[in-house]
Protein backbone atom coordinates (compact mmCIF):
# COMPACT_ATOMS: atom_id res chain seq x y z
CA MET A 1 47.02 293.98 -6.18
CA ASP A 2 44.40 292.91 -4.06
CA LYS A 3 40.48 293.31 -4.43
CA ASN A 4 40.48 296.31 -1.88
CA THR A 5 42.84 298.37 -4.07
CA ALA A 6 41.48 297.35 -7.83
CA LEU A 7 41.74 300.12 -10.38
CA SER A 8 38.27 300.22 -12.17
CA PRO A 9 36.04 303.16 -13.85
CA SER A 10 34.14 303.42 -10.77
CA VAL A 11 37.42 304.97 -9.51
CA ILE A 12 37.04 307.90 -11.65
CA LEU A 13 33.07 307.80 -12.19
CA ILE A 14 31.82 307.75 -9.02
CA PRO A 15 33.78 311.27 -7.94
CA LEU A 16 33.45 312.90 -11.18
CA LEU A 17 29.42 312.20 -10.83
CA SER A 18 29.52 313.82 -7.46
CA VAL A 19 31.43 316.75 -8.21
CA LEU A 20 29.23 316.89 -11.56
CA ALA A 21 26.39 316.68 -9.48
CA ILE A 22 26.68 319.69 -6.72
CA TRP A 23 27.68 321.64 -9.91
CA VAL A 24 24.43 320.95 -11.56
CA GLY A 25 22.50 322.04 -7.92
CA TYR A 26 24.33 325.19 -8.04
CA TRP A 27 23.35 325.52 -11.88
CA VAL A 28 19.91 325.13 -10.62
CA GLN A 29 19.83 327.44 -8.00
CA ILE A 30 21.37 330.16 -10.56
CA ARG A 31 18.97 329.04 -13.50
CA PHE A 32 15.79 329.07 -11.29
CA TRP A 33 16.52 331.75 -8.57
CA ILE A 34 16.15 329.11 -5.77
CA ASP A 35 16.57 330.74 -2.52
CA GLN A 36 19.13 328.39 -1.76
CA PHE A 37 19.31 328.80 2.38
CA GLU A 38 15.77 327.63 2.62
CA TRP A 39 17.04 324.01 1.72
CA GLY A 40 20.07 323.71 3.99
CA ILE A 41 19.77 322.20 7.42
CA LEU A 42 18.09 324.11 9.64
CA PRO A 43 18.84 322.42 13.04
CA ARG A 44 16.21 321.09 15.34
CA THR A 45 13.13 321.97 12.88
CA PHE A 46 11.26 319.51 10.98
CA LEU A 47 11.67 321.61 7.83
CA GLY A 48 14.91 321.68 8.58
CA LEU A 49 15.48 317.55 7.99
CA ARG A 50 15.06 318.04 4.18
CA GLY A 51 18.80 320.01 4.31
CA ILE A 52 20.41 316.64 5.38
CA PHE A 53 19.62 315.48 1.81
CA CYS A 54 19.62 318.94 -0.04
CA SER A 55 22.38 320.87 1.77
CA PRO A 56 25.57 318.83 0.09
CA PHE A 57 24.16 320.22 -3.37
CA ILE A 58 23.60 324.06 -2.37
CA HIS A 59 26.66 326.45 -2.38
CA GLY A 60 26.57 330.18 -1.30
CA SER A 61 29.24 331.08 -4.22
CA LEU A 62 31.13 330.04 -7.14
CA GLU A 63 34.02 330.18 -4.93
CA HIS A 64 32.42 327.91 -2.19
CA LEU A 65 31.34 325.56 -4.73
CA TRP A 66 35.09 325.49 -6.48
CA ASN A 67 36.74 325.10 -3.20
CA ASN A 68 34.66 321.69 -2.41
CA SER A 69 35.11 320.29 -5.59
CA ILE A 70 38.54 319.65 -5.66
CA PRO A 71 38.77 317.88 -2.10
CA LEU A 72 35.56 316.03 -3.15
CA PHE A 73 36.72 314.69 -6.05
CA VAL A 74 40.29 313.61 -4.78
CA LEU A 75 38.68 311.95 -1.79
CA LEU A 76 36.10 309.87 -3.14
CA MET A 77 38.61 308.88 -5.53
CA ALA A 78 41.03 307.38 -2.67
CA LEU A 79 38.12 305.92 -0.66
CA ARG A 80 36.93 304.23 -3.88
CA PHE A 81 40.89 302.78 -4.75
CA PHE A 82 41.72 301.91 -1.18
CA TYR A 83 38.46 300.80 0.59
CA ARG A 84 36.87 299.62 -2.53
CA SER A 85 35.00 296.60 -0.65
CA ILE A 86 33.16 299.08 1.82
CA SER A 87 33.40 302.31 -0.47
CA SER A 88 29.54 302.49 -1.10
CA GLN A 89 28.56 301.81 2.49
CA VAL A 90 30.89 304.53 3.64
CA ILE A 91 29.62 307.26 1.34
CA TRP A 92 26.00 306.44 2.25
CA ILE A 93 27.04 306.57 6.12
CA GLY A 94 29.06 309.91 5.66
CA PHE A 95 26.45 311.59 3.61
CA PHE A 96 23.31 311.17 5.91
CA VAL A 97 24.80 310.91 9.40
CA THR A 98 26.84 313.97 8.88
CA GLY A 99 23.77 315.83 7.95
CA LEU A 100 22.14 314.21 10.98
CA VAL A 101 24.27 315.09 13.40
CA THR A 102 24.66 318.51 12.05
CA TRP A 103 21.02 319.12 12.65
CA PHE A 104 21.24 318.36 16.01
CA ILE A 105 24.18 320.28 17.16
CA GLY A 106 24.31 323.10 14.65
CA ARG A 107 23.18 327.02 15.86
CA GLU A 108 20.16 328.07 14.98
CA SER A 109 21.02 328.94 11.31
CA TYR A 110 21.20 327.41 7.66
CA HIS A 111 24.13 325.00 7.02
CA ILE A 112 24.52 324.41 3.43
CA GLY A 113 27.59 322.99 1.34
CA ALA A 114 29.67 319.55 0.79
CA SER A 115 32.39 320.49 3.34
CA GLY A 116 30.92 318.51 6.36
CA PHE A 117 30.95 315.64 3.92
CA ILE A 118 34.32 316.40 2.89
CA TYR A 119 35.60 316.38 6.74
CA PHE A 120 34.07 312.99 7.07
CA LEU A 121 36.04 311.65 4.11
CA VAL A 122 39.43 313.14 5.53
CA SER A 123 38.91 311.69 8.94
CA PHE A 124 37.74 308.22 7.67
CA LEU A 125 40.83 307.90 5.52
CA PHE A 126 43.09 309.55 8.06
CA PHE A 127 41.93 307.40 11.23
CA LYS A 128 41.45 304.12 9.44
CA GLY A 129 44.66 303.72 7.62
CA ILE A 130 46.23 304.50 11.35
CA GLN A 131 43.92 301.78 12.43
CA THR A 132 44.54 299.02 9.81
CA LYS A 133 48.58 299.60 10.29
CA HIS A 134 48.63 298.34 6.58
CA TYR A 135 51.89 300.42 4.94
CA ARG A 136 49.61 301.51 1.65
CA LEU A 137 46.62 302.77 4.24
CA VAL A 138 49.15 304.17 6.42
CA ALA A 139 51.03 305.88 3.64
CA LEU A 140 47.12 307.48 2.36
CA SER A 141 46.99 308.62 6.25
CA LEU A 142 50.29 310.52 6.15
CA SER A 143 49.17 311.95 2.60
CA ILE A 144 45.75 313.01 4.29
CA VAL A 145 47.58 314.82 6.83
CA MET A 146 50.07 316.53 4.64
CA PHE A 147 47.58 318.00 2.00
CA TYR A 148 44.36 318.52 4.11
CA GLY A 149 45.98 319.02 8.14
CA GLY A 150 45.13 322.48 7.91
CA MET A 151 41.35 321.69 7.91
CA ILE A 152 41.77 320.65 11.49
CA TRP A 153 41.53 324.33 12.62
CA TYR A 154 37.89 325.01 10.99
CA ILE A 155 35.87 322.49 13.51
CA PHE A 156 36.41 324.96 16.01
CA PRO A 157 34.07 327.76 16.62
CA ASN A 158 34.82 331.71 15.66
CA VAL A 159 37.76 331.03 13.49
CA LYS A 160 36.14 332.23 10.58
CA ASP A 161 32.60 334.11 10.22
CA GLY A 162 30.06 332.47 8.20
CA MET A 163 31.62 329.17 8.03
CA SER A 164 29.50 326.17 9.44
CA TRP A 165 32.15 324.88 11.87
CA GLU A 166 29.26 322.51 13.49
CA GLY A 167 29.22 321.14 10.01
CA HIS A 168 32.69 320.51 9.95
CA LEU A 169 33.07 319.18 13.53
CA ALA A 170 29.99 316.46 12.63
CA GLY A 171 31.84 315.40 9.78
CA PHE A 172 34.90 314.86 11.47
CA LEU A 173 33.44 312.97 14.50
CA VAL A 174 31.16 310.82 12.07
CA GLY A 175 34.23 309.85 9.75
CA PHE A 176 36.06 308.78 13.46
CA PHE A 177 33.67 306.69 14.63
CA THR A 178 32.49 305.47 10.98
CA THR A 179 36.04 303.81 11.28
CA PHE A 180 35.08 301.06 13.78
CA ALA A 181 32.35 300.06 12.12
CA PHE A 182 34.29 298.46 9.54
CA PRO A 183 37.09 296.31 10.94
CA MET A 184 38.70 295.32 7.57
CA LYS A 185 40.00 292.27 8.64
CA GLU A 186 41.47 291.22 5.38
CA TYR A 187 44.32 293.60 6.61
CA GLN A 188 44.76 292.23 9.76
CA LYS A 189 45.84 288.46 8.88
CA VAL A 190 48.37 286.81 10.82
CA PRO A 191 51.35 286.03 8.13
CA VAL A 192 51.81 282.43 7.61
CA TYR A 193 54.95 281.34 6.98
CA ASP A 194 56.35 278.49 4.28
CA TRP A 195 57.29 276.14 7.28
CA GLU A 196 53.61 276.61 8.64
CA LYS A 197 51.89 275.21 5.42
CA PRO A 198 50.83 271.69 5.71
CA ASP A 199 52.44 270.96 2.05
CA PHE A 200 55.91 272.24 3.30
CA ASN A 201 58.58 269.66 2.76
CA PRO A 202 61.91 270.63 4.39
CA GLU A 203 64.09 268.32 2.27
CA LEU A 204 63.45 270.85 -0.41
CA ASP A 205 63.50 273.93 1.60
CA PRO A 206 67.28 275.46 0.46
CA PHE A 207 67.32 276.84 4.08
CA MET A 208 66.87 273.62 5.80
CA GLN A 209 69.45 271.95 3.53
CA HIS A 210 71.80 273.56 5.49
CA PHE A 211 71.09 271.18 8.81
CA ASP A 212 71.99 267.78 8.82
CA GLU A 213 69.93 264.89 10.41
CA ASN A 214 70.96 265.65 13.60
CA GLY A 215 69.93 269.30 13.55
CA ASN A 216 73.05 270.42 13.61
CA PHE A 217 74.23 273.75 11.41
CA LYS A 218 76.33 272.24 8.47
CA PRO A 219 76.30 274.70 5.23
CA LYS A 220 76.68 274.07 2.19
CA PRO A 221 79.54 274.92 -0.13
CA LYS A 222 79.37 277.82 -2.09
CA PRO A 223 79.61 276.99 -5.53
CA GLU A 224 82.93 278.28 -6.15
CA GLU A 225 84.08 275.75 -3.25
CA GLU A 226 82.45 273.00 -4.99
CA ILE A 227 84.68 273.77 -8.33
CA ALA A 228 87.95 274.07 -6.17
CA SER A 229 87.34 270.63 -4.31
CA TYR A 230 86.30 269.11 -7.34
CA PHE A 231 90.04 269.83 -8.82
CA THR A 232 92.29 268.69 -5.62
CA THR A 233 93.85 265.95 -5.39
CA SER A 234 96.50 264.39 -3.30
CA ILE A 235 99.07 263.40 -5.70
CA LYS A 236 102.61 265.59 -5.64
CA VAL A 237 102.84 267.61 -9.10
CA LEU A 238 106.35 269.29 -9.48
CA TYR A 239 106.56 271.69 -12.59
CA ASP A 240 109.81 272.27 -14.13
CA TYR A 241 110.79 275.54 -15.32
CA VAL A 242 112.45 275.70 -19.00
CA LYS A 243 113.84 279.03 -20.51
CA LYS A 244 112.94 279.52 -24.21
CA GLU A 245 115.82 280.18 -26.17
CA LYS A 246 115.42 282.89 -28.79
CA ASP A 247 115.27 282.29 -32.47
């Protein structure tokens, strides 16, 4: 297992704390009767800028909160496990830039919830895995399609009333473009074969031992052939058959 896929407590801790944060945010709303919409993203207004930082912790209902909790936990865990070296930067970019793009492109209404950030994670994990062409990350991309592929429809307008498709679209686009900010060159290294290494000794290589000093292919005998040749002799041996008499 390489450094980018190291299992550590943070793989569980970061997603768990993130989900706990949005639940605490919802509890604060209910406990202190805070008008959640006032703390959402109100596009192209100065006061609406605070929603970039606050809106992911604001939800309209318990169902809305629950629907965001499971994918947030799973996707953050996948990000931290498979992209450990860049996960912190990716999280901050997704959190801030997704909200900022929503502030620019959204309709004149309050936009709340963590779904924009979730769309960012889905987009980043899918496209980054395809770009790297690493078998583990491609498998992750295919898993993302299988479990969350249906979310693609909600980046289009008028699919569901009351849903911030602009926030979803913002997260999807930011996730896609963020993949280009992290080349992940460790997954693009050209493989170095044994015969390309400076300490390669052809005399000790099992395959090279099948060639003679002139470069002609001369396979070594198999173990059973070596045993058979050991007992080979040019001396003619004659055997007589003697019938055993009964007692």
